[in-house]
Amino acid sequence: MKKVYLQIIALLAAFSSVNAQNKAENGAVYPNPFTDRITVQLEATENPAHFMALYDVLGNEVYKQEVVTNKAGEVIIIEPGKEKALEAGVYFLKVENGENTKTYRLIHR
């Protein structure tokens, strides 16, 4: 149990730059908490490719998707629990586009 606790502490430290408020001016992720779907509003960038990955609190990747878009603020709906059921708890959604990386803390019910 102590080992798991230390892994959780290390993961939270690694995500210290997490945007816990999920602000809309630089992209947005909602709802939070979520049940079966997550809406991701992509921020405007020069690079049209966006890569999204969802991690559990132990750092295991539980979902990934690549999206190519030329629209600023395009809204993407992802269903991370569709392929494999997710446990209730805290997850981290990492959105990368080559230029920027943002990580959002989400709660799954």
PDB file of N, CA and C in Angstrom:
ATOM      1  N   MET A   1       0.825  -1.190   0.000  1.00  0.00           N
ATOM      2  CA  MET A   1       0.000   0.000   0.000  1.00  0.00           C
ATOM      3  C   MET A   1       0.870   1.256   0.000  1.00  0.00           C
ATOM      4  N   LYS A   2       1.980   1.198   0.754  1.00  0.00           N
ATOM      5  CA  LYS A   2       2.868   2.357   0.820  1.00  0.00           C
ATOM      6  C   LYS A   2       3.463   2.656  -0.551  1.00  0.00           C
ATOM      7  N   LYS A   3       3.797   1.591  -1.312  1.00  0.00           N
ATOM      8  CA  LYS A   3       4.371   1.770  -2.637  1.00  0.00           C
ATOM      9  C   LYS A   3       3.382   2.483  -3.562  1.00  0.00           C
ATOM     10  N   VAL A   4       2.115   2.088  -3.518  1.00  0.00           N
ATOM     11  CA  VAL A   4       1.089   2.727  -4.338  1.00  0.00           C
ATOM     12  C   VAL A   4       0.939   4.187  -3.949  1.00  0.00           C
ATOM     13  N   TYR A   5       0.940   4.459  -2.649  1.00  0.00           N
ATOM     14  CA  TYR A   5       0.831   5.835  -2.158  1.00  0.00           C
ATOM     15  C   TYR A   5       1.990   6.678  -2.682  1.00  0.00           C
ATOM     16  N   LEU A   6       3.203   6.144  -2.649  1.00  0.00           N
ATOM     17  CA  LEU A   6       4.368   6.884  -3.140  1.00  0.00           C
ATOM     18  C   LEU A   6       4.283   7.114  -4.651  1.00  0.00           C
ATOM     19  N   GLN A   7       3.729   6.138  -5.393  1.00  0.00           N
ATOM     20  CA  GLN A   7       3.556   6.315  -6.833  1.00  0.00           C
ATOM     21  C   GLN A   7       2.556   7.434  -7.116  1.00  0.00           C
ATOM     22  N   ILE A   8       1.498   7.502  -6.340  1.00  0.00           N
ATOM     23  CA  ILE A   8       0.501   8.552  -6.519  1.00  0.00           C
ATOM     24  C   ILE A   8       1.117   9.911  -6.238  1.00  0.00           C
ATOM     25  N   ILE A   9       1.901  10.019  -5.161  1.00  0.00           N
ATOM     26  CA  ILE A   9       2.577  11.279  -4.828  1.00  0.00           C
ATOM     27  C   ILE A   9       3.519  11.693  -5.965  1.00  0.00           C
ATOM     28  N   ALA A  10       4.273  10.739  -6.504  1.00  0.00           N
ATOM     29  CA  ALA A  10       5.208  11.043  -7.594  1.00  0.00           C
ATOM     30  C   ALA A  10       4.462  11.506  -8.841  1.00  0.00           C
ATOM     31  N   LEU A  11       3.342  10.862  -9.137  1.00  0.00           N
ATOM     32  CA  LEU A  11       2.558  11.251 -10.308  1.00  0.00           C
ATOM     33  C   LEU A  11       1.983  12.649 -10.144  1.00  0.00           C
ATOM     34  N   LEU A  12       1.466  12.937  -8.973  1.00  0.00           N
ATOM     35  CA  LEU A  12       0.917  14.270  -8.731  1.00  0.00           C
ATOM     36  C   LEU A  12       2.001  15.341  -8.816  1.00  0.00           C
ATOM     37  N   ALA A  13       3.190  15.021  -8.371  1.00  0.00           N
ATOM     38  CA  ALA A  13       4.303  15.970  -8.480  1.00  0.00           C
ATOM     39  C   ALA A  13       4.675  16.195  -9.944  1.00  0.00           C
ATOM     40  N   ALA A  14       4.621  15.124 -10.747  1.00  0.00           N
ATOM     41  CA  ALA A  14       4.940  15.242 -12.169  1.00  0.00           C
ATOM     42  C   ALA A  14       3.927  16.108 -12.903  1.00  0.00           C
ATOM     43  N   PHE A  15       2.709  16.113 -12.426  1.00  0.00           N
ATOM     44  CA  PHE A  15       1.660  16.915 -13.036  1.00  0.00           C
ATOM     45  C   PHE A  15       1.433  18.212 -12.269  1.00  0.00           C
ATOM     46  N   SER A  16       2.486  18.770 -11.710  1.00  0.00           N
ATOM     47  CA  SER A  16       2.329  19.990 -10.916  1.00  0.00           C
ATOM     48  C   SER A  16       1.881  21.184 -11.754  1.00  0.00           C
ATOM     49  N   SER A  17       2.069  21.105 -13.069  1.00  0.00           N
ATOM     50  CA  SER A  17       1.635  22.203 -13.926  1.00  0.00           C
ATOM     51  C   SER A  17       0.220  21.988 -14.455  1.00  0.00           C
ATOM     52  N   VAL A  18      -0.505  21.083 -13.841  1.00  0.00           N
ATOM     53  CA  VAL A  18      -1.869  20.794 -14.280  1.00  0.00           C
ATOM     54  C   VAL A  18      -2.742  22.023 -14.142  1.00  0.00           C
ATOM     55  N   ASN A  19      -3.509  22.294 -15.179  1.00  0.00           N
ATOM     56  CA  ASN A  19      -4.464  23.396 -15.148  1.00  0.00           C
ATOM     57  C   ASN A  19      -5.734  22.874 -14.500  1.00  0.00           C
ATOM     58  N   ALA A  20      -5.825  22.967 -13.191  1.00  0.00           N
ATOM     59  CA  ALA A  20      -6.942  22.384 -12.454  1.00  0.00           C
ATOM     60  C   ALA A  20      -8.261  23.081 -12.750  1.00  0.00           C
ATOM     61  N   GLN A  21      -8.211  24.326 -13.204  1.00  0.00           N
ATOM     62  CA  GLN A  21      -9.446  25.051 -13.451  1.00  0.00           C
ATOM     63  C   GLN A  21      -9.979  24.837 -14.867  1.00  0.00           C
ATOM     64  N   ASN A  22      -9.199  24.232 -15.744  1.00  0.00           N
ATOM     65  CA  ASN A  22      -9.632  23.917 -17.107  1.00  0.00           C
ATOM     66  C   ASN A  22     -10.210  25.144 -17.819  1.00  0.00           C
ATOM     67  N   LYS A  23      -9.448  26.224 -17.876  1.00  0.00           N
ATOM     68  CA  LYS A  23      -9.918  27.506 -18.411  1.00  0.00           C
ATOM     69  C   LYS A  23     -10.159  27.459 -19.911  1.00  0.00           C
ATOM     70  N   ALA A  24     -11.181  28.156 -20.348  1.00  0.00           N
ATOM     71  CA  ALA A  24     -11.604  28.127 -21.748  1.00  0.00           C
ATOM     72  C   ALA A  24     -10.731  28.967 -22.671  1.00  0.00           C
ATOM     73  N   GLU A  25     -10.004  29.958 -22.183  1.00  0.00           N
ATOM     74  CA  GLU A  25      -9.260  30.821 -23.103  1.00  0.00           C
ATOM     75  C   GLU A  25      -8.119  30.093 -23.809  1.00  0.00           C
ATOM     76  N   ASN A  26      -7.656  28.981 -23.266  1.00  0.00           N
ATOM     77  CA  ASN A  26      -6.590  28.202 -23.891  1.00  0.00           C
ATOM     78  C   ASN A  26      -7.051  26.781 -24.156  1.00  0.00           C
ATOM     79  N   GLY A  27      -8.264  26.642 -24.628  1.00  0.00           N
ATOM     80  CA  GLY A  27      -8.848  25.323 -24.788  1.00  0.00           C
ATOM     81  C   GLY A  27      -9.632  25.009 -23.526  1.00  0.00           C
ATOM     82  N   ALA A  28     -10.513  24.036 -23.606  1.00  0.00           N
ATOM     83  CA  ALA A  28     -11.324  23.703 -22.441  1.00  0.00           C
ATOM     84  C   ALA A  28     -11.649  22.218 -22.457  1.00  0.00           C
ATOM     85  N   VAL A  29     -11.865  21.686 -21.276  1.00  0.00           N
ATOM     86  CA  VAL A  29     -12.260  20.294 -21.107  1.00  0.00           C
ATOM     87  C   VAL A  29     -13.413  20.281 -20.116  1.00  0.00           C
ATOM     88  N   TYR A  30     -14.515  19.659 -20.489  1.00  0.00           N
ATOM     89  CA  TYR A  30     -15.685  19.604 -19.615  1.00  0.00           C
ATOM     90  C   TYR A  30     -16.550  18.421 -20.025  1.00  0.00           C
ATOM     91  N   PRO A  31     -17.484  17.951 -19.209  1.00  0.00           N
ATOM     92  CA  PRO A  31     -17.755  18.375 -17.828  1.00  0.00           C
ATOM     93  C   PRO A  31     -16.735  17.776 -16.875  1.00  0.00           C
ATOM     94  N   ASN A  32     -16.677  18.330 -15.723  1.00  0.00           N
ATOM     95  CA  ASN A  32     -15.804  17.803 -14.680  1.00  0.00           C
ATOM     96  C   ASN A  32     -16.545  17.920 -13.357  1.00  0.00           C
ATOM     97  N   PRO A  33     -16.978  16.817 -12.791  1.00  0.00           N
ATOM     98  CA  PRO A  33     -16.681  15.418 -13.126  1.00  0.00           C
ATOM     99  C   PRO A  33     -17.434  14.944 -14.372  1.00  0.00           C
ATOM    100  N   PHE A  34     -16.895  13.860 -14.990  1.00  0.00           N
ATOM    101  CA  PHE A  34     -17.522  13.295 -16.179  1.00  0.00           C
ATOM    102  C   PHE A  34     -17.991  11.866 -15.886  1.00  0.00           C
ATOM    103  N   THR A  35     -18.910  11.381 -16.725  1.00  0.00           N
ATOM    104  CA  THR A  35     -19.378  10.006 -16.573  1.00  0.00           C
ATOM    105  C   THR A  35     -18.934   9.155 -17.756  1.00  0.00           C
ATOM    106  N   ASP A  36     -19.418   9.433 -18.955  1.00  0.00           N
ATOM    107  CA  ASP A  36     -19.032   8.603 -20.094  1.00  0.00           C
ATOM    108  C   ASP A  36     -18.388   9.375 -21.242  1.00  0.00           C
ATOM    109  N   ARG A  37     -18.570  10.683 -21.285  1.00  0.00           N
ATOM    110  CA  ARG A  37     -18.015  11.502 -22.366  1.00  0.00           C
ATOM    111  C   ARG A  37     -17.261  12.703 -21.814  1.00  0.00           C
ATOM    112  N   ILE A  38     -16.238  13.104 -22.576  1.00  0.00           N
ATOM    113  CA  ILE A  38     -15.476  14.314 -22.249  1.00  0.00           C
ATOM    114  C   ILE A  38     -15.494  15.191 -23.500  1.00  0.00           C
ATOM    115  N   THR A  39     -15.820  16.456 -23.329  1.00  0.00           N
ATOM    116  CA  THR A  39     -15.792  17.406 -24.434  1.00  0.00           C
ATOM    117  C   THR A  39     -14.488  18.183 -24.342  1.00  0.00           C
ATOM    118  N   VAL A  40     -13.753  18.202 -25.446  1.00  0.00           N
ATOM    119  CA  VAL A  40     -12.465  18.906 -25.500  1.00  0.00           C
ATOM    120  C   VAL A  40     -12.573  20.002 -26.547  1.00  0.00           C
ATOM    121  N   GLN A  41     -12.396  21.250 -26.119  1.00  0.00           N
ATOM    122  CA  GLN A  41     -12.363  22.375 -27.058  1.00  0.00           C
ATOM    123  C   GLN A  41     -10.900  22.683 -27.298  1.00  0.00           C
ATOM    124  N   LEU A  42     -10.455  22.474 -28.531  1.00  0.00           N
ATOM    125  CA  LEU A  42      -9.041  22.646 -28.864  1.00  0.00           C
ATOM    126  C   LEU A  42      -8.706  24.117 -29.019  1.00  0.00           C
ATOM    127  N   GLU A  43      -7.515  24.491 -28.591  1.00  0.00           N
ATOM    128  CA  GLU A  43      -7.089  25.881 -28.734  1.00  0.00           C
ATOM    129  C   GLU A  43      -6.556  26.124 -30.135  1.00  0.00           C
ATOM    130  N   ALA A  44      -6.519  27.383 -30.532  1.00  0.00           N
ATOM    131  CA  ALA A  44      -6.022  27.767 -31.850  1.00  0.00           C
ATOM    132  C   ALA A  44      -4.504  27.632 -31.883  1.00  0.00           C
ATOM    133  N   THR A  45      -3.989  26.890 -32.865  1.00  0.00           N
ATOM    134  CA  THR A  45      -2.542  26.715 -33.012  1.00  0.00           C
ATOM    135  C   THR A  45      -2.188  26.638 -34.496  1.00  0.00           C
ATOM    136  N   GLU A  46      -0.915  26.747 -34.775  1.00  0.00           N
ATOM    137  CA  GLU A  46      -0.421  26.607 -36.144  1.00  0.00           C
ATOM    138  C   GLU A  46      -0.424  25.142 -36.575  1.00  0.00           C
ATOM    139  N   ASN A  47      -0.189  24.235 -35.628  1.00  0.00           N
ATOM    140  CA  ASN A  47      -0.100  22.815 -35.908  1.00  0.00           C
ATOM    141  C   ASN A  47      -1.490  22.179 -35.858  1.00  0.00           C
ATOM    142  N   PRO A  48      -1.967  21.573 -36.953  1.00  0.00           N
ATOM    143  CA  PRO A  48      -3.322  21.023 -36.968  1.00  0.00           C
ATOM    144  C   PRO A  48      -3.475  19.679 -36.240  1.00  0.00           C
ATOM    145  N   ALA A  49      -2.381  18.992 -35.927  1.00  0.00           N
ATOM    146  CA  ALA A  49      -2.463  17.674 -35.285  1.00  0.00           C
ATOM    147  C   ALA A  49      -2.479  17.816 -33.767  1.00  0.00           C
ATOM    148  N   HIS A  50      -3.455  17.189 -33.150  1.00  0.00           N
ATOM    149  CA  HIS A  50      -3.564  17.169 -31.691  1.00  0.00           C
ATOM    150  C   HIS A  50      -3.596  15.719 -31.234  1.00  0.00           C
ATOM    151  N   PHE A  51      -2.853  15.425 -30.187  1.00  0.00           N
ATOM    152  CA  PHE A  51      -2.830  14.081 -29.618  1.00  0.00           C
ATOM    153  C   PHE A  51      -3.366  14.167 -28.199  1.00  0.00           C
ATOM    154  N   MET A  52      -4.336  13.318 -27.874  1.00  0.00           N
ATOM    155  CA  MET A  52      -4.923  13.312 -26.536  1.00  0.00           C
ATOM    156  C   MET A  52      -4.710  11.948 -25.900  1.00  0.00           C
ATOM    157  N   ALA A  53      -4.335  11.949 -24.629  1.00  0.00           N
ATOM    158  CA  ALA A  53      -4.171  10.699 -23.883  1.00  0.00           C
ATOM    159  C   ALA A  53      -4.721  10.900 -22.480  1.00  0.00           C
ATOM    160  N   LEU A  54      -5.425   9.885 -21.985  1.00  0.00           N
ATOM    161  CA  LEU A  54      -6.000   9.917 -20.643  1.00  0.00           C
ATOM    162  C   LEU A  54      -5.243   8.922 -19.783  1.00  0.00           C
ATOM    163  N   TYR A  55      -4.815   9.378 -18.596  1.00  0.00           N
ATOM    164  CA  TYR A  55      -4.035   8.550 -17.674  1.00  0.00           C
ATOM    165  C   TYR A  55      -4.764   8.428 -16.347  1.00  0.00           C
ATOM    166  N   ASP A  56      -4.626   7.256 -15.718  1.00  0.00           N
ATOM    167  CA  ASP A  56      -5.164   7.105 -14.367  1.00  0.00           C
ATOM    168  C   ASP A  56      -4.150   7.670 -13.380  1.00  0.00           C
ATOM    169  N   VAL A  57      -4.453   7.634 -12.085  1.00  0.00           N
ATOM    170  CA  VAL A  57      -3.562   8.246 -11.092  1.00  0.00           C
ATOM    171  C   VAL A  57      -2.234   7.515 -10.944  1.00  0.00           C
ATOM    172  N   LEU A  58      -2.142   6.300 -11.457  1.00  0.00           N
ATOM    173  CA  LEU A  58      -0.877   5.571 -11.400  1.00  0.00           C
ATOM    174  C   LEU A  58      -0.028   5.799 -12.643  1.00  0.00           C
ATOM    175  N   GLY A  59      -0.527   6.624 -13.566  1.00  0.00           N
ATOM    176  CA  GLY A  59       0.225   6.938 -14.776  1.00  0.00           C
ATOM    177  C   GLY A  59      -0.004   5.971 -15.920  1.00  0.00           C
ATOM    178  N   ASN A  60      -0.962   5.068 -15.789  1.00  0.00           N
ATOM    179  CA  ASN A  60      -1.277   4.128 -16.867  1.00  0.00           C
ATOM    180  C   ASN A  60      -2.140   4.816 -17.924  1.00  0.00           C
ATOM    181  N   GLU A  61      -1.754   4.691 -19.181  1.00  0.00           N
ATOM    182  CA  GLU A  61      -2.545   5.265 -20.265  1.00  0.00           C
ATOM    183  C   GLU A  61      -3.785   4.391 -20.469  1.00  0.00           C
ATOM    184  N   VAL A  62      -4.971   4.999 -20.364  1.00  0.00           N
ATOM    185  CA  VAL A  62      -6.213   4.241 -20.499  1.00  0.00           C
ATOM    186  C   VAL A  62      -6.976   4.593 -21.771  1.00  0.00           C
ATOM    187  N   TYR A  63      -6.550   5.652 -22.461  1.00  0.00           N
ATOM    188  CA  TYR A  63      -7.218   6.073 -23.686  1.00  0.00           C
ATOM    189  C   TYR A  63      -6.278   6.977 -24.468  1.00  0.00           C
ATOM    190  N   LYS A  64      -6.325   6.890 -25.804  1.00  0.00           N
ATOM    191  CA  LYS A  64      -5.556   7.828 -26.631  1.00  0.00           C
ATOM    192  C   LYS A  64      -6.282   8.042 -27.946  1.00  0.00           C
ATOM    193  N   GLN A  65      -6.089   9.229 -28.509  1.00  0.00           N
ATOM    194  CA  GLN A  65      -6.721   9.586 -29.778  1.00  0.00           C
ATOM    195  C   GLN A  65      -5.935  10.714 -30.417  1.00  0.00           C
ATOM    196  N   GLU A  66      -5.813  10.666 -31.736  1.00  0.00           N
ATOM    197  CA  GLU A  66      -5.199  11.765 -32.482  1.00  0.00           C
ATOM    198  C   GLU A  66      -6.278  12.440 -33.313  1.00  0.00           C
ATOM    199  N   VAL A  67      -6.261  13.759 -33.331  1.00  0.00           N
ATOM    200  CA  VAL A  67      -7.243  14.549 -34.069  1.00  0.00           C
ATOM    201  C   VAL A  67      -6.474  15.543 -34.937  1.00  0.00           C
ATOM    202  N   VAL A  68      -6.865  15.651 -36.198  1.00  0.00           N
ATOM    203  CA  VAL A  68      -6.285  16.651 -37.099  1.00  0.00           C
ATOM    204  C   VAL A  68      -7.383  17.637 -37.448  1.00  0.00           C
ATOM    205  N   THR A  69      -7.135  18.910 -37.160  1.00  0.00           N
ATOM    206  CA  THR A  69      -8.138  19.939 -37.421  1.00  0.00           C
ATOM    207  C   THR A  69      -7.463  21.237 -37.823  1.00  0.00           C
ATOM    208  N   ASN A  70      -8.137  22.022 -38.621  1.00  0.00           N
ATOM    209  CA  ASN A  70      -7.644  23.342 -38.998  1.00  0.00           C
ATOM    210  C   ASN A  70      -8.486  24.447 -38.385  1.00  0.00           C
ATOM    211  N   LYS A  71      -9.482  24.076 -37.589  1.00  0.00           N
ATOM    212  CA  LYS A  71     -10.373  25.051 -36.983  1.00  0.00           C
ATOM    213  C   LYS A  71      -9.925  25.405 -35.576  1.00  0.00           C
ATOM    214  N   ALA A  72      -9.836  26.685 -35.295  1.00  0.00           N
ATOM    215  CA  ALA A  72      -9.551  27.126 -33.931  1.00  0.00           C
ATOM    216  C   ALA A  72     -10.787  26.912 -33.084  1.00  0.00           C
ATOM    217  N   GLY A  73     -10.610  26.351 -31.919  1.00  0.00           N
ATOM    218  CA  GLY A  73     -11.719  26.152 -31.006  1.00  0.00           C
ATOM    219  C   GLY A  73     -12.636  24.999 -31.370  1.00  0.00           C
ATOM    220  N   GLU A  74     -12.177  24.106 -32.249  1.00  0.00           N
ATOM    221  CA  GLU A  74     -13.022  22.960 -32.615  1.00  0.00           C
ATOM    222  C   GLU A  74     -13.313  22.110 -31.384  1.00  0.00           C
ATOM    223  N   VAL A  75     -14.533  21.605 -31.323  1.00  0.00           N
ATOM    224  CA  VAL A  75     -14.967  20.797 -30.182  1.00  0.00           C
ATOM    225  C   VAL A  75     -14.943  19.323 -30.572  1.00  0.00           C
ATOM    226  N   ILE A  76     -14.267  18.523 -29.763  1.00  0.00           N
ATOM    227  CA  ILE A  76     -14.156  17.082 -29.973  1.00  0.00           C
ATOM    228  C   ILE A  76     -14.779  16.390 -28.767  1.00  0.00           C
ATOM    229  N   ILE A  77     -15.589  15.385 -29.010  1.00  0.00           N
ATOM    230  CA  ILE A  77     -16.157  14.604 -27.911  1.00  0.00           C
ATOM    231  C   ILE A  77     -15.477  13.243 -27.911  1.00  0.00           C
ATOM    232  N   ILE A  78     -14.886  12.896 -26.765  1.00  0.00           N
ATOM    233  CA  ILE A  78     -14.231  11.598 -26.644  1.00  0.00           C
ATOM    234  C   ILE A  78     -14.994  10.747 -25.634  1.00  0.00           C
ATOM    235  N   GLU A  79     -14.948   9.443 -25.842  1.00  0.00           N
ATOM    236  CA  GLU A  79     -15.623   8.494 -24.956  1.00  0.00           C
ATOM    237  C   GLU A  79     -14.596   7.472 -24.458  1.00  0.00           C
ATOM    238  N   PRO A  80     -13.809   7.841 -23.452  1.00  0.00           N
ATOM    239  CA  PRO A  80     -12.724   6.976 -23.011  1.00  0.00           C
ATOM    240  C   PRO A  80     -13.169   5.654 -22.395  1.00  0.00           C
ATOM    241  N   GLY A  81     -14.376   5.571 -21.863  1.00  0.00           N
ATOM    242  CA  GLY A  81     -14.838   4.338 -21.245  1.00  0.00           C
ATOM    243  C   GLY A  81     -15.560   3.409 -22.195  1.00  0.00           C
ATOM    244  N   LYS A  82     -15.619   3.764 -23.477  1.00  0.00           N
ATOM    245  CA  LYS A  82     -16.365   2.960 -24.448  1.00  0.00           C
ATOM    246  C   LYS A  82     -15.682   1.620 -24.717  1.00  0.00           C
ATOM    247  N   GLU A  83     -14.361   1.627 -24.837  1.00  0.00           N
ATOM    248  CA  GLU A  83     -13.622   0.401 -25.121  1.00  0.00           C
ATOM    249  C   GLU A  83     -13.353  -0.412 -23.857  1.00  0.00           C
ATOM    250  N   LYS A  84     -13.037   0.263 -22.781  1.00  0.00           N
ATOM    251  CA  LYS A  84     -12.725  -0.404 -21.510  1.00  0.00           C
ATOM    252  C   LYS A  84     -13.309   0.445 -20.392  1.00  0.00           C
ATOM    253  N   ALA A  85     -14.097  -0.167 -19.531  1.00  0.00           N
ATOM    254  CA  ALA A  85     -14.748   0.573 -18.442  1.00  0.00           C
ATOM    255  C   ALA A  85     -13.713   1.244 -17.548  1.00  0.00           C
ATOM    256  N   LEU A  86     -13.999   2.477 -17.160  1.00  0.00           N
ATOM    257  CA  LEU A  86     -13.112   3.218 -16.264  1.00  0.00           C
ATOM    258  C   LEU A  86     -13.622   3.125 -14.837  1.00  0.00           C
ATOM    259  N   GLU A  87     -12.693   2.994 -13.909  1.00  0.00           N
ATOM    260  CA  GLU A  87     -13.032   3.037 -12.492  1.00  0.00           C
ATOM    261  C   GLU A  87     -13.328   4.483 -12.111  1.00  0.00           C
ATOM    262  N   ALA A  88     -14.146   4.679 -11.099  1.00  0.00           N
ATOM    263  CA  ALA A  88     -14.365   6.028 -10.572  1.00  0.00           C
ATOM    264  C   ALA A  88     -13.056   6.519  -9.968  1.00  0.00           C
ATOM    265  N   GLY A  89     -12.755   7.800 -10.153  1.00  0.00           N
ATOM    266  CA  GLY A  89     -11.532   8.349  -9.583  1.00  0.00           C
ATOM    267  C   GLY A  89     -10.979   9.511 -10.383  1.00  0.00           C
ATOM    268  N   VAL A  90      -9.733   9.839 -10.118  1.00  0.00           N
ATOM    269  CA  VAL A  90      -9.052  10.975 -10.747  1.00  0.00           C
ATOM    270  C   VAL A  90      -8.283  10.496 -11.972  1.00  0.00           C
ATOM    271  N   TYR A  91      -8.391  11.276 -13.043  1.00  0.00           N
ATOM    272  CA  TYR A  91      -7.676  11.005 -14.289  1.00  0.00           C
ATOM    273  C   TYR A  91      -7.030  12.293 -14.776  1.00  0.00           C
ATOM    274  N   PHE A  92      -6.023  12.140 -15.633  1.00  0.00           N
ATOM    275  CA  PHE A  92      -5.337  13.288 -16.216  1.00  0.00           C
ATOM    276  C   PHE A  92      -5.425  13.176 -17.736  1.00  0.00           C
ATOM    277  N   LEU A  93      -5.962  14.216 -18.380  1.00  0.00           N
ATOM    278  CA  LEU A  93      -6.054  14.256 -19.836  1.00  0.00           C
ATOM    279  C   LEU A  93      -4.942  15.165 -20.349  1.00  0.00           C
ATOM    280  N   LYS A  94      -4.058  14.596 -21.147  1.00  0.00           N
ATOM    281  CA  LYS A  94      -2.942  15.349 -21.717  1.00  0.00           C
ATOM    282  C   LYS A  94      -3.271  15.631 -23.174  1.00  0.00           C
ATOM    283  N   VAL A  95      -3.240  16.919 -23.558  1.00  0.00           N
ATOM    284  CA  VAL A  95      -3.524  17.337 -24.922  1.00  0.00           C
ATOM    285  C   VAL A  95      -2.255  17.987 -25.472  1.00  0.00           C
ATOM    286  N   GLU A  96      -1.699  17.404 -26.545  1.00  0.00           N
ATOM    287  CA  GLU A  96      -0.459  17.908 -27.153  1.00  0.00           C
ATOM    288  C   GLU A  96      -0.722  18.269 -28.604  1.00  0.00           C
ATOM    289  N   ASN A  97       0.006  19.281 -29.086  1.00  0.00           N
ATOM    290  CA  ASN A  97      -0.105  19.605 -30.512  1.00  0.00           C
ATOM    291  C   ASN A  97       1.248  19.881 -31.138  1.00  0.00           C
ATOM    292  N   GLY A  98       2.302  19.448 -30.527  1.00  0.00           N
ATOM    293  CA  GLY A  98       3.639  19.685 -31.063  1.00  0.00           C
ATOM    294  C   GLY A  98       4.250  20.958 -30.531  1.00  0.00           C
ATOM    295  N   GLU A  99       3.448  21.990 -30.347  1.00  0.00           N
ATOM    296  CA  GLU A  99       3.917  23.272 -29.820  1.00  0.00           C
ATOM    297  C   GLU A  99       3.675  23.371 -28.314  1.00  0.00           C
ATOM    298  N   ASN A 100       2.518  22.912 -27.906  1.00  0.00           N
ATOM    299  CA  ASN A 100       2.095  23.052 -26.516  1.00  0.00           C
ATOM    300  C   ASN A 100       1.591  21.729 -25.972  1.00  0.00           C
ATOM    301  N   THR A 101       1.706  21.591 -24.670  1.00  0.00           N
ATOM    302  CA  THR A 101       1.125  20.453 -23.970  1.00  0.00           C
ATOM    303  C   THR A 101       0.354  20.995 -22.789  1.00  0.00           C
ATOM    304  N   LYS A 102      -0.888  20.554 -22.666  1.00  0.00           N
ATOM    305  CA  LYS A 102      -1.719  20.940 -21.520  1.00  0.00           C
ATOM    306  C   LYS A 102      -2.218  19.667 -20.871  1.00  0.00           C
ATOM    307  N   THR A 103      -2.275  19.683 -19.560  1.00  0.00           N
ATOM    308  CA  THR A 103      -2.781  18.547 -18.811  1.00  0.00           C
ATOM    309  C   THR A 103      -3.922  19.025 -17.931  1.00  0.00           C
ATOM    310  N   TYR A 104      -5.026  18.299 -18.004  1.00  0.00           N
ATOM    311  CA  TYR A 104      -6.227  18.644 -17.242  1.00  0.00           C
ATOM    312  C   TYR A 104      -6.528  17.530 -16.252  1.00  0.00           C
ATOM    313  N   ARG A 105      -6.859  17.905 -15.042  1.00  0.00           N
ATOM    314  CA  ARG A 105      -7.240  16.943 -14.012  1.00  0.00           C
ATOM    315  C   ARG A 105      -8.756  16.768 -14.082  1.00  0.00           C
ATOM    316  N   LEU A 106      -9.201  15.519 -14.208  1.00  0.00           N
ATOM    317  CA  LEU A 106     -10.616  15.220 -14.337  1.00  0.00           C
ATOM    318  C   LEU A 106     -11.029  14.169 -13.306  1.00  0.00           C
ATOM    319  N   ILE A 107     -12.283  14.209 -12.931  1.00  0.00           N
ATOM    320  CA  ILE A 107     -12.817  13.197 -12.005  1.00  0.00           C
ATOM    321  C   ILE A 107     -13.873  12.402 -12.745  1.00  0.00           C
ATOM    322  N   HIS A 108     -13.754  11.078 -12.669  1.00  0.00           N
ATOM    323  CA  HIS A 108     -14.737  10.188 -13.292  1.00  0.00           C
ATOM    324  C   HIS A 108     -15.640   9.629 -12.213  1.00  0.00           C
ATOM    325  N   ARG A 109     -16.960   9.704 -12.445  1.00  0.00           N
ATOM    326  CA  ARG A 109     -17.935   9.140 -11.494  1.00  0.00           C
ATOM    327  C   ARG A 109     -18.352   7.769 -11.916  1.00  0.00           C
TER     328      ARG A 109
END
